[in-house]
Amino acid sequence: MGLVTGKEILEVANRDGYAVGAFNINNLEILQGVVAGCIEKNSPVIIAVSEGAIKYAGFDYIVAMVKTAAELSPIPIALHLDHGRDKEIIYRCIKGGFTSVMIDASHLPLEENIKETKVVVEMAHAEGISVEGELGRLKGVEETVSVAEREATLTDPQQAERFVEETGVDFLAPAIGTSHGAFKFKGEAKLDLERLKEIKRRLGIPLVLHGASTVPQRILELALKYGADLKEAKGVPSEQLKKAIALGINKINTDTDLRLAFTGAVRKVLAENPGVFDPRKILGPARDMIAEVVKEKISLFGSSGKARSR
């Protein structure tokens, strides 16, 4: 089929009221697991790549792998830069095969965020590439993005309206109370759904939820059983995600849950088979576990069977 833009995928999701998973990848096995799960559920998918993943796997390798996956798959696939901060990397993505980019200038004052984002939008749109912006800040750590609790700020709906009007972004990531990483909440998770409702009412465009991994109990228990030190890990409850989708979230970023699945599966193989040294036997189960997690996410997000609804 070939790669499509994030806008093409998310406009349909926005129209029909469901969310699409943006799954972060770092290597071939994660990509294969994600795509296999999406094909089985007949779901569109956004393959998200962080600046850290690009530095780890190599820009050309990433683009080639995802392009190949898109060409061989019957589902719509977009290649998206997640949390773009480095302008050189953003511009390379725009010119080098990505079909969607995120410019994350949320750490800057509003005026500067608008200015920086608008520059990227103009360049990307000239190449037919969609753009995600961010307003407000999520606490937690993701790759090169680290935000302390005292620095986290929720998105102001009025500012969001101005931000979208002046920048021309195709979709927006508002901060409504989620957090990056595996340790999202000290107490009960609570998203500011009224804030989300008002932002959606004002904007009408696809909205993105970052820091949205649910940290499934069975996956966490698998990792813990085989030695992982993650006892306090806690994610966003599925019921909260369902409510957020109903109120206008159309793209849900998922990274932590895939890492937990990968880690748990690898730990299990090595613990139960200490003599194994074939990478295929170590990484193959991790790939399969990721596919299973992705299928569960698709059912939760409501994108199952939507690959043909464009």
C-alpha atoms as a PDB file:
ATOM      1  CA  MET A   1       0.000   0.000   0.000  1.00  0.00           C
ATOM      2  CA  GLY A   2       2.796   2.425   0.800  1.00  0.00           C
ATOM      3  CA  LEU A   3       2.968   5.002   3.588  1.00  0.00           C
ATOM      4  CA  VAL A   4       0.100   7.432   4.186  1.00  0.00           C
ATOM      5  CA  THR A   5       0.057  10.616   6.258  1.00  0.00           C
ATOM      6  CA  GLY A   6      -0.943  10.789   9.874  1.00  0.00           C
ATOM      7  CA  LYS A   7      -3.598  13.321   8.880  1.00  0.00           C
ATOM      8  CA  GLU A   8      -5.204  10.867   6.467  1.00  0.00           C
ATOM      9  CA  ILE A   9      -5.518   8.256   9.210  1.00  0.00           C
ATOM     10  CA  LEU A  10      -6.628  10.604  11.985  1.00  0.00           C
ATOM     11  CA  GLU A  11      -9.206  12.594  10.036  1.00  0.00           C
ATOM     12  CA  VAL A  12     -11.193   9.381   9.571  1.00  0.00           C
ATOM     13  CA  ALA A  13     -10.752   8.483  13.247  1.00  0.00           C
ATOM     14  CA  ASN A  14     -11.954  11.964  14.200  1.00  0.00           C
ATOM     15  CA  ARG A  15     -14.966  11.688  11.920  1.00  0.00           C
ATOM     16  CA  ASP A  16     -15.976   8.230  13.151  1.00  0.00           C
ATOM     17  CA  GLY A  17     -15.104   8.626  16.835  1.00  0.00           C
ATOM     18  CA  TYR A  18     -12.301   6.182  17.567  1.00  0.00           C
ATOM     19  CA  ALA A  19      -8.586   6.319  18.318  1.00  0.00           C
ATOM     20  CA  VAL A  20      -5.572   4.935  16.471  1.00  0.00           C
ATOM     21  CA  GLY A  21      -2.508   3.605  18.221  1.00  0.00           C
ATOM     22  CA  ALA A  22       0.808   5.356  17.715  1.00  0.00           C
ATOM     23  CA  PHE A  23       3.217   2.593  18.702  1.00  0.00           C
ATOM     24  CA  ASN A  24       6.866   3.428  19.329  1.00  0.00           C
ATOM     25  CA  ILE A  25       9.481   1.197  17.739  1.00  0.00           C
ATOM     26  CA  ASN A  26      13.236   0.850  18.222  1.00  0.00           C
ATOM     27  CA  ASN A  27      14.097  -2.243  16.190  1.00  0.00           C
ATOM     28  CA  LEU A  28      12.850  -4.751  13.622  1.00  0.00           C
ATOM     29  CA  GLU A  29      11.149  -7.120  16.060  1.00  0.00           C
ATOM     30  CA  ILE A  30       9.065  -4.371  17.661  1.00  0.00           C
ATOM     31  CA  LEU A  31       7.998  -3.119  14.225  1.00  0.00           C
ATOM     32  CA  GLN A  32       7.082  -6.631  13.079  1.00  0.00           C
ATOM     33  CA  GLY A  33       5.077  -7.272  16.247  1.00  0.00           C
ATOM     34  CA  VAL A  34       3.160  -4.007  15.922  1.00  0.00           C
ATOM     35  CA  VAL A  35       2.354  -4.500  12.244  1.00  0.00           C
ATOM     36  CA  ALA A  36       1.366  -8.152  12.705  1.00  0.00           C
ATOM     37  CA  GLY A  37      -1.084  -7.218  15.450  1.00  0.00           C
ATOM     38  CA  CYS A  38      -2.584  -4.421  13.361  1.00  0.00           C
ATOM     39  CA  ILE A  39      -2.973  -6.612  10.280  1.00  0.00           C
ATOM     40  CA  GLU A  40      -4.752  -9.288  12.302  1.00  0.00           C
ATOM     41  CA  LYS A  41      -7.163  -6.672  13.692  1.00  0.00           C
ATOM     42  CA  ASN A  42      -7.435  -4.857  10.332  1.00  0.00           C
ATOM     43  CA  SER A  43      -6.495  -1.577  11.962  1.00  0.00           C
ATOM     44  CA  PRO A  44      -4.663   1.488  10.644  1.00  0.00           C
ATOM     45  CA  VAL A  45      -1.519   2.295  12.598  1.00  0.00           C
ATOM     46  CA  ILE A  46       0.943   5.103  13.216  1.00  0.00           C
ATOM     47  CA  ILE A  47       4.516   3.910  13.682  1.00  0.00           C
ATOM     48  CA  ALA A  48       6.123   6.381  16.063  1.00  0.00           C
ATOM     49  CA  VAL A  49       9.866   6.931  16.214  1.00  0.00           C
ATOM     50  CA  SER A  50      11.616   9.084  18.797  1.00  0.00           C
ATOM     51  CA  GLU A  51      14.840  10.983  18.293  1.00  0.00           C
ATOM     52  CA  GLY A  52      16.439   8.433  20.610  1.00  0.00           C
ATOM     53  CA  ALA A  53      15.239   5.575  18.413  1.00  0.00           C
ATOM     54  CA  ILE A  54      16.688   7.276  15.348  1.00  0.00           C
ATOM     55  CA  LYS A  55      20.051   7.646  17.067  1.00  0.00           C
ATOM     56  CA  TYR A  56      19.918   4.010  18.193  1.00  0.00           C
ATOM     57  CA  ALA A  57      18.744   2.274  15.013  1.00  0.00           C
ATOM     58  CA  GLY A  58      19.857   4.768  12.352  1.00  0.00           C
ATOM     59  CA  PHE A  59      17.658   7.071  10.280  1.00  0.00           C
ATOM     60  CA  ASP A  60      17.965   5.167   7.001  1.00  0.00           C
ATOM     61  CA  TYR A  61      17.356   1.794   8.652  1.00  0.00           C
ATOM     62  CA  ILE A  62      14.184   3.091  10.344  1.00  0.00           C
ATOM     63  CA  VAL A  63      12.754   4.594   7.173  1.00  0.00           C
ATOM     64  CA  ALA A  64      13.590   1.547   5.063  1.00  0.00           C
ATOM     65  CA  MET A  65      12.043  -0.870   7.554  1.00  0.00           C
ATOM     66  CA  VAL A  66       8.791   1.043   7.924  1.00  0.00           C
ATOM     67  CA  LYS A  67       8.469   1.719   4.188  1.00  0.00           C
ATOM     68  CA  THR A  68       8.908  -1.989   3.532  1.00  0.00           C
ATOM     69  CA  ALA A  69       6.282  -2.831   6.145  1.00  0.00           C
ATOM     70  CA  ALA A  70       3.842  -0.386   4.536  1.00  0.00           C
ATOM     71  CA  GLU A  71       4.446  -1.726   1.030  1.00  0.00           C
ATOM     72  CA  LEU A  72       3.851  -5.313   2.152  1.00  0.00           C
ATOM     73  CA  SER A  73       0.833  -4.570   4.357  1.00  0.00           C
ATOM     74  CA  PRO A  74      -2.849  -4.183   3.419  1.00  0.00           C
ATOM     75  CA  ILE A  75      -3.418  -1.581   6.165  1.00  0.00           C
ATOM     76  CA  PRO A  76      -2.734   2.186   6.242  1.00  0.00           C
ATOM     77  CA  ILE A  77       0.587   2.912   7.962  1.00  0.00           C
ATOM     78  CA  ALA A  78       2.061   6.332   8.769  1.00  0.00           C
ATOM     79  CA  LEU A  79       5.640   6.986   9.869  1.00  0.00           C
ATOM     80  CA  HIS A  80       5.669   9.637  12.601  1.00  0.00           C
ATOM     81  CA  LEU A  81       8.438  11.478  14.449  1.00  0.00           C
ATOM     82  CA  ASP A  82       7.558  11.515  18.149  1.00  0.00           C
ATOM     83  CA  HIS A  83       8.579  14.462  20.361  1.00  0.00           C
ATOM     84  CA  GLY A  84      10.729  16.240  17.802  1.00  0.00           C
ATOM     85  CA  ARG A  85      12.991  18.754  19.519  1.00  0.00           C
ATOM     86  CA  ASP A  86      16.107  18.748  17.333  1.00  0.00           C
ATOM     87  CA  LYS A  87      15.401  20.918  14.286  1.00  0.00           C
ATOM     88  CA  GLU A  88      17.917  19.087  12.136  1.00  0.00           C
ATOM     89  CA  ILE A  89      16.231  15.757  12.851  1.00  0.00           C
ATOM     90  CA  ILE A  90      12.776  17.240  12.234  1.00  0.00           C
ATOM     91  CA  TYR A  91      13.832  18.657   8.875  1.00  0.00           C
ATOM     92  CA  ARG A  92      15.527  15.421   7.892  1.00  0.00           C
ATOM     93  CA  CYS A  93      12.333  13.527   8.676  1.00  0.00           C
ATOM     94  CA  ILE A  94      10.306  15.946   6.564  1.00  0.00           C
ATOM     95  CA  LYS A  95      12.649  15.516   3.616  1.00  0.00           C
ATOM     96  CA  GLY A  96      13.617  11.894   4.183  1.00  0.00           C
ATOM     97  CA  GLY A  97      10.531   9.702   4.118  1.00  0.00           C
ATOM     98  CA  PHE A  98       8.465  10.374   7.250  1.00  0.00           C
ATOM     99  CA  THR A  99       4.812  11.178   6.576  1.00  0.00           C
ATOM    100  CA  SER A 100       4.091  12.891   9.900  1.00  0.00           C
ATOM    101  CA  VAL A 101       6.169  14.813  12.439  1.00  0.00           C
ATOM    102  CA  MET A 102       5.679  16.167  15.915  1.00  0.00           C
ATOM    103  CA  ILE A 103       7.291  19.425  16.900  1.00  0.00           C
ATOM    104  CA  ASP A 104       7.507  19.514  20.688  1.00  0.00           C
ATOM    105  CA  ALA A 105       8.151  23.088  21.747  1.00  0.00           C
ATOM    106  CA  SER A 106       5.938  22.740  24.819  1.00  0.00           C
ATOM    107  CA  HIS A 107       8.847  23.655  27.085  1.00  0.00           C
ATOM    108  CA  LEU A 108       8.878  27.160  25.609  1.00  0.00           C
ATOM    109  CA  PRO A 109       6.598  30.101  26.497  1.00  0.00           C
ATOM    110  CA  LEU A 110       3.391  30.198  24.414  1.00  0.00           C
ATOM    111  CA  GLU A 111       4.591  32.838  21.940  1.00  0.00           C
ATOM    112  CA  GLU A 112       7.806  30.955  21.221  1.00  0.00           C
ATOM    113  CA  ASN A 113       5.974  27.620  21.007  1.00  0.00           C
ATOM    114  CA  ILE A 114       3.661  29.118  18.383  1.00  0.00           C
ATOM    115  CA  LYS A 115       6.585  30.593  16.451  1.00  0.00           C
ATOM    116  CA  GLU A 116       8.657  27.392  16.442  1.00  0.00           C
ATOM    117  CA  THR A 117       5.683  25.206  15.592  1.00  0.00           C
ATOM    118  CA  LYS A 118       4.515  27.436  12.736  1.00  0.00           C
ATOM    119  CA  VAL A 119       7.912  27.217  11.033  1.00  0.00           C
ATOM    120  CA  VAL A 120       7.771  23.415  11.077  1.00  0.00           C
ATOM    121  CA  VAL A 121       4.150  23.367   9.877  1.00  0.00           C
ATOM    122  CA  GLU A 122       4.954  25.552   6.880  1.00  0.00           C
ATOM    123  CA  MET A 123       7.874  23.380   5.843  1.00  0.00           C
ATOM    124  CA  ALA A 124       6.055  20.085   6.416  1.00  0.00           C
ATOM    125  CA  HIS A 125       2.856  21.123   4.656  1.00  0.00           C
ATOM    126  CA  ALA A 126       4.879  22.199   1.635  1.00  0.00           C
ATOM    127  CA  GLU A 127       5.996  18.558   1.398  1.00  0.00           C
ATOM    128  CA  GLY A 128       2.518  17.126   2.052  1.00  0.00           C
ATOM    129  CA  ILE A 129       3.422  15.956   5.569  1.00  0.00           C
ATOM    130  CA  SER A 130       1.183  16.337   8.605  1.00  0.00           C
ATOM    131  CA  VAL A 131       2.228  17.962  11.874  1.00  0.00           C
ATOM    132  CA  GLU A 132       1.423  17.408  15.536  1.00  0.00           C
ATOM    133  CA  GLY A 133       1.982  20.140  18.084  1.00  0.00           C
ATOM    134  CA  GLU A 134       1.946  20.063  21.883  1.00  0.00           C
ATOM    135  CA  LEU A 135       0.625  22.567  24.394  1.00  0.00           C
ATOM    136  CA  GLY A 136       0.987  22.008  28.132  1.00  0.00           C
ATOM    137  CA  ARG A 137       3.525  19.659  29.722  1.00  0.00           C
ATOM    138  CA  LEU A 138       3.307  16.063  30.935  1.00  0.00           C
ATOM    139  CA  LYS A 139       5.375  15.029  33.930  1.00  0.00           C
ATOM    140  CA  GLY A 140       7.632  11.978  33.712  1.00  0.00           C
ATOM    141  CA  VAL A 141      10.468  10.840  31.476  1.00  0.00           C
ATOM    142  CA  GLU A 142      10.370   9.803  27.837  1.00  0.00           C
ATOM    143  CA  GLU A 143      13.617   9.535  25.893  1.00  0.00           C
ATOM    144  CA  THR A 144      15.193  13.005  25.953  1.00  0.00           C
ATOM    145  CA  VAL A 145      12.086  14.630  27.472  1.00  0.00           C
ATOM    146  CA  SER A 146      12.141  14.919  31.267  1.00  0.00           C
ATOM    147  CA  VAL A 147       9.571  16.979  33.168  1.00  0.00           C
ATOM    148  CA  ALA A 148       9.398  17.256  36.955  1.00  0.00           C
ATOM    149  CA  GLU A 149       5.985  17.282  38.644  1.00  0.00           C
ATOM    150  CA  ARG A 150       6.394  20.942  39.567  1.00  0.00           C
ATOM    151  CA  GLU A 151       6.971  21.806  35.891  1.00  0.00           C
ATOM    152  CA  ALA A 152       3.959  19.935  34.528  1.00  0.00           C
ATOM    153  CA  THR A 153       1.107  22.150  33.332  1.00  0.00           C
ATOM    154  CA  LEU A 154      -2.324  21.284  31.948  1.00  0.00           C
ATOM    155  CA  THR A 155      -3.456  22.786  28.656  1.00  0.00           C
ATOM    156  CA  ASP A 156      -5.555  25.935  28.718  1.00  0.00           C
ATOM    157  CA  PRO A 157      -8.464  25.511  26.228  1.00  0.00           C
ATOM    158  CA  GLN A 158      -8.407  29.147  25.164  1.00  0.00           C
ATOM    159  CA  GLN A 159      -4.670  29.038  24.515  1.00  0.00           C
ATOM    160  CA  ALA A 160      -5.151  25.775  22.602  1.00  0.00           C
ATOM    161  CA  GLU A 161      -7.625  27.460  20.274  1.00  0.00           C
ATOM    162  CA  ARG A 162      -5.203  30.275  19.566  1.00  0.00           C
ATOM    163  CA  PHE A 163      -2.301  27.844  19.163  1.00  0.00           C
ATOM    164  CA  VAL A 164      -4.084  25.810  16.483  1.00  0.00           C
ATOM    165  CA  GLU A 165      -5.351  28.877  14.622  1.00  0.00           C
ATOM    166  CA  GLU A 166      -1.921  30.513  14.458  1.00  0.00           C
ATOM    167  CA  THR A 167       0.217  27.438  13.777  1.00  0.00           C
ATOM    168  CA  GLY A 168      -2.025  25.384  11.480  1.00  0.00           C
ATOM    169  CA  VAL A 169      -1.137  22.050  13.126  1.00  0.00           C
ATOM    170  CA  ASP A 170      -3.126  19.045  11.939  1.00  0.00           C
ATOM    171  CA  PHE A 171      -3.516  17.516  15.406  1.00  0.00           C
ATOM    172  CA  LEU A 172      -2.745  18.621  18.940  1.00  0.00           C
ATOM    173  CA  ALA A 173      -1.428  16.862  22.037  1.00  0.00           C
ATOM    174  CA  PRO A 174      -2.986  18.536  25.086  1.00  0.00           C
ATOM    175  CA  ALA A 175      -1.878  17.837  28.656  1.00  0.00           C
ATOM    176  CA  ILE A 176      -4.863  16.559  30.656  1.00  0.00           C
ATOM    177  CA  GLY A 177      -3.166  14.669  33.493  1.00  0.00           C
ATOM    178  CA  THR A 178      -1.285  11.717  32.010  1.00  0.00           C
ATOM    179  CA  SER A 179       2.423  11.106  32.552  1.00  0.00           C
ATOM    180  CA  HIS A 180       5.304   9.578  30.621  1.00  0.00           C
ATOM    181  CA  GLY A 181       6.953   6.349  31.717  1.00  0.00           C
ATOM    182  CA  ALA A 182       5.898   3.286  33.734  1.00  0.00           C
ATOM    183  CA  PHE A 183       5.365   5.100  37.043  1.00  0.00           C
ATOM    184  CA  LYS A 184       2.561   7.470  36.111  1.00  0.00           C
ATOM    185  CA  PHE A 185       0.612   7.944  39.315  1.00  0.00           C
ATOM    186  CA  LYS A 186       1.231   7.796  43.063  1.00  0.00           C
ATOM    187  CA  GLY A 187      -2.486   7.476  43.846  1.00  0.00           C
ATOM    188  CA  GLU A 188      -5.516   6.883  41.678  1.00  0.00           C
ATOM    189  CA  ALA A 189      -5.259   8.005  38.068  1.00  0.00           C
ATOM    190  CA  LYS A 190      -7.580  10.825  37.127  1.00  0.00           C
ATOM    191  CA  LEU A 191      -7.650  12.583  33.781  1.00  0.00           C
ATOM    192  CA  ASP A 192      -9.153  16.054  33.444  1.00  0.00           C
ATOM    193  CA  LEU A 193     -11.955  14.977  31.122  1.00  0.00           C
ATOM    194  CA  GLU A 194     -13.876  18.245  31.396  1.00  0.00           C
ATOM    195  CA  ARG A 195     -10.796  20.076  30.164  1.00  0.00           C
ATOM    196  CA  LEU A 196     -10.509  17.611  27.283  1.00  0.00           C
ATOM    197  CA  LYS A 197     -14.183  18.085  26.394  1.00  0.00           C
ATOM    198  CA  GLU A 198     -13.770  21.852  26.209  1.00  0.00           C
ATOM    199  CA  ILE A 199     -10.597  21.639  24.130  1.00  0.00           C
ATOM    200  CA  LYS A 200     -12.312  19.328  21.641  1.00  0.00           C
ATOM    201  CA  ARG A 201     -15.338  21.623  21.468  1.00  0.00           C
ATOM    202  CA  ARG A 202     -13.164  24.596  20.625  1.00  0.00           C
ATOM    203  CA  LEU A 203     -10.834  22.865  18.160  1.00  0.00           C
ATOM    204  CA  GLY A 204     -12.671  20.009  16.464  1.00  0.00           C
ATOM    205  CA  ILE A 205      -9.395  18.564  15.129  1.00  0.00           C
ATOM    206  CA  PRO A 206      -7.875  15.179  16.071  1.00  0.00           C
ATOM    207  CA  LEU A 207      -6.425  15.191  19.588  1.00  0.00           C
ATOM    208  CA  VAL A 208      -3.519  13.121  20.877  1.00  0.00           C
ATOM    209  CA  LEU A 209      -2.984  11.493  24.265  1.00  0.00           C
ATOM    210  CA  HIS A 210       0.627  11.071  25.323  1.00  0.00           C
ATOM    211  CA  GLY A 211       1.692   9.075  28.374  1.00  0.00           C
ATOM    212  CA  ALA A 212      -1.259   6.742  27.839  1.00  0.00           C
ATOM    213  CA  SER A 213       0.176   3.262  28.468  1.00  0.00           C
ATOM    214  CA  THR A 214      -2.060   1.175  30.739  1.00  0.00           C
ATOM    215  CA  VAL A 215       0.705  -1.064  32.175  1.00  0.00           C
ATOM    216  CA  PRO A 216      -1.357  -4.293  31.882  1.00  0.00           C
ATOM    217  CA  GLN A 217      -1.186  -6.352  35.060  1.00  0.00           C
ATOM    218  CA  ARG A 218      -0.383  -9.652  33.352  1.00  0.00           C
ATOM    219  CA  ILE A 219       2.513  -8.095  31.435  1.00  0.00           C
ATOM    220  CA  LEU A 220       3.839  -6.414  34.560  1.00  0.00           C
ATOM    221  CA  GLU A 221       3.567  -9.667  36.521  1.00  0.00           C
ATOM    222  CA  LEU A 222       5.473 -11.526  33.813  1.00  0.00           C
ATOM    223  CA  ALA A 223       8.346  -9.036  33.979  1.00  0.00           C
ATOM    224  CA  LEU A 224       8.331  -9.085  37.786  1.00  0.00           C
ATOM    225  CA  LYS A 225       8.309 -12.890  37.899  1.00  0.00           C
ATOM    226  CA  TYR A 226      11.546 -13.020  35.945  1.00  0.00           C
ATOM    227  CA  GLY A 227      13.443 -10.360  37.842  1.00  0.00           C
ATOM    228  CA  ALA A 228      12.325  -6.904  36.695  1.00  0.00           C
ATOM    229  CA  ASP A 229      12.337  -4.200  39.386  1.00  0.00           C
ATOM    230  CA  LEU A 230       9.068  -2.446  38.531  1.00  0.00           C
ATOM    231  CA  LYS A 231       6.876  -3.006  41.583  1.00  0.00           C
ATOM    232  CA  GLU A 232       5.407   0.520  41.671  1.00  0.00           C
ATOM    233  CA  ALA A 233       4.589   0.699  37.964  1.00  0.00           C
ATOM    234  CA  LYS A 234       1.098   2.021  37.283  1.00  0.00           C
ATOM    235  CA  GLY A 235      -0.604   3.090  34.069  1.00  0.00           C
ATOM    236  CA  VAL A 236      -3.779   4.820  32.887  1.00  0.00           C
ATOM    237  CA  PRO A 237      -6.868   2.661  33.581  1.00  0.00           C
ATOM    238  CA  SER A 238      -8.605   1.388  30.451  1.00  0.00           C
ATOM    239  CA  GLU A 239     -11.902   2.939  31.515  1.00  0.00           C
ATOM    240  CA  GLN A 240     -10.261   6.367  31.630  1.00  0.00           C
ATOM    241  CA  LEU A 241      -8.957   5.854  28.101  1.00  0.00           C
ATOM    242  CA  LYS A 242     -12.409   4.850  26.858  1.00  0.00           C
ATOM    243  CA  LYS A 243     -13.865   8.056  28.287  1.00  0.00           C
ATOM    244  CA  ALA A 244     -11.082  10.122  26.712  1.00  0.00           C
ATOM    245  CA  ILE A 245     -11.719   8.529  23.313  1.00  0.00           C
ATOM    246  CA  ALA A 246     -15.435   9.237  23.620  1.00  0.00           C
ATOM    247  CA  LEU A 247     -14.575  12.897  24.275  1.00  0.00           C
ATOM    248  CA  GLY A 248     -12.341  13.293  21.237  1.00  0.00           C
ATOM    249  CA  ILE A 249      -8.948  11.612  21.617  1.00  0.00           C
ATOM    250  CA  ASN A 250      -8.025  10.100  18.235  1.00  0.00           C
ATOM    251  CA  LYS A 251      -4.351   9.164  18.601  1.00  0.00           C
ATOM    252  CA  ILE A 252      -3.011   7.301  21.624  1.00  0.00           C
ATOM    253  CA  ASN A 253       0.744   6.995  22.085  1.00  0.00           C
ATOM    254  CA  THR A 254       1.931   3.655  23.436  1.00  0.00           C
ATOM    255  CA  ASP A 255       5.551   2.904  24.285  1.00  0.00           C
ATOM    256  CA  THR A 256       5.895   1.709  27.885  1.00  0.00           C
ATOM    257  CA  ASP A 257       3.510  -1.228  27.431  1.00  0.00           C
ATOM    258  CA  LEU A 258       5.525  -2.476  24.449  1.00  0.00           C
ATOM    259  CA  ARG A 259       8.770  -2.197  26.406  1.00  0.00           C
ATOM    260  CA  LEU A 260       7.269  -4.155  29.292  1.00  0.00           C
ATOM    261  CA  ALA A 261       6.034  -6.876  26.920  1.00  0.00           C
ATOM    262  CA  PHE A 262       9.402  -7.089  25.199  1.00  0.00           C
ATOM    263  CA  THR A 263      11.320  -7.184  28.481  1.00  0.00           C
ATOM    264  CA  GLY A 264       9.039  -9.746  30.098  1.00  0.00           C
ATOM    265  CA  ALA A 265       9.221 -12.110  27.139  1.00  0.00           C
ATOM    266  CA  VAL A 266      13.010 -11.875  26.840  1.00  0.00           C
ATOM    267  CA  ARG A 267      13.504 -12.383  30.587  1.00  0.00           C
ATOM    268  CA  LYS A 268      11.269 -15.454  30.499  1.00  0.00           C
ATOM    269  CA  VAL A 269      13.195 -17.076  27.648  1.00  0.00           C
ATOM    270  CA  LEU A 270      16.590 -16.458  29.244  1.00  0.00           C
ATOM    271  CA  ALA A 271      15.464 -17.615  32.678  1.00  0.00           C
ATOM    272  CA  GLU A 272      13.872 -20.824  31.433  1.00  0.00           C
ATOM    273  CA  ASN A 273      16.491 -21.591  28.779  1.00  0.00           C
ATOM    274  CA  PRO A 274      19.914 -20.527  30.135  1.00  0.00           C
ATOM    275  CA  GLY A 275      21.693 -22.331  27.333  1.00  0.00           C
ATOM    276  CA  VAL A 276      19.971 -20.465  24.491  1.00  0.00           C
ATOM    277  CA  PHE A 277      22.116 -18.024  22.526  1.00  0.00           C
ATOM    278  CA  ASP A 278      20.241 -17.837  19.217  1.00  0.00           C
ATOM    279  CA  PRO A 279      18.888 -14.248  18.961  1.00  0.00           C
ATOM    280  CA  ARG A 280      15.881 -15.518  17.015  1.00  0.00           C
ATOM    281  CA  LYS A 281      14.816 -17.735  19.895  1.00  0.00           C
ATOM    282  CA  ILE A 282      15.295 -14.862  22.343  1.00  0.00           C
ATOM    283  CA  LEU A 283      13.629 -12.095  20.352  1.00  0.00           C
ATOM    284  CA  GLY A 284      10.945 -14.100  18.540  1.00  0.00           C
ATOM    285  CA  PRO A 285       8.767 -14.530  21.660  1.00  0.00           C
ATOM    286  CA  ALA A 286       9.156 -10.816  22.410  1.00  0.00           C
ATOM    287  CA  ARG A 287       7.872  -9.979  18.942  1.00  0.00           C
ATOM    288  CA  ASP A 288       4.878 -12.285  19.484  1.00  0.00           C
ATOM    289  CA  MET A 289       4.126 -10.774  22.884  1.00  0.00           C
ATOM    290  CA  ILE A 290       4.130  -7.275  21.393  1.00  0.00           C
ATOM    291  CA  ALA A 291       1.645  -8.384  18.733  1.00  0.00           C
ATOM    292  CA  GLU A 292      -0.676  -9.637  21.476  1.00  0.00           C
ATOM    293  CA  VAL A 293      -0.458  -6.372  23.413  1.00  0.00           C
ATOM    294  CA  VAL A 294      -1.091  -4.364  20.247  1.00  0.00           C
ATOM    295  CA  LYS A 295      -4.236  -6.382  19.488  1.00  0.00           C
ATOM    296  CA  GLU A 296      -5.536  -5.666  22.984  1.00  0.00           C
ATOM    297  CA  LYS A 297      -4.860  -1.954  22.480  1.00  0.00           C
ATOM    298  CA  ILE A 298      -6.671  -1.905  19.154  1.00  0.00           C
ATOM    299  CA  SER A 299      -9.763  -3.435  20.744  1.00  0.00           C
ATOM    300  CA  LEU A 300      -9.603  -0.799  23.485  1.00  0.00           C
ATOM    301  CA  PHE A 301      -9.078   2.093  21.062  1.00  0.00           C
ATOM    302  CA  GLY A 302     -11.921   1.064  18.734  1.00  0.00           C
ATOM    303  CA  SER A 303      -9.842   0.915  15.543  1.00  0.00           C
ATOM    304  CA  SER A 304     -10.400  -2.772  14.829  1.00  0.00           C
ATOM    305  CA  GLY A 305     -11.749  -3.247  11.302  1.00  0.00           C
ATOM    306  CA  LYS A 306     -11.176   0.424  10.401  1.00  0.00           C
ATOM    307  CA  ALA A 307      -8.374  -0.122   7.889  1.00  0.00           C
ATOM    308  CA  ARG A 308     -10.937  -0.165   5.084  1.00  0.00           C
ATOM    309  CA  SER A 309     -13.049   2.799   6.198  1.00  0.00           C
ATOM    310  CA  ARG A 310     -11.067   5.578   4.573  1.00  0.00           C
END
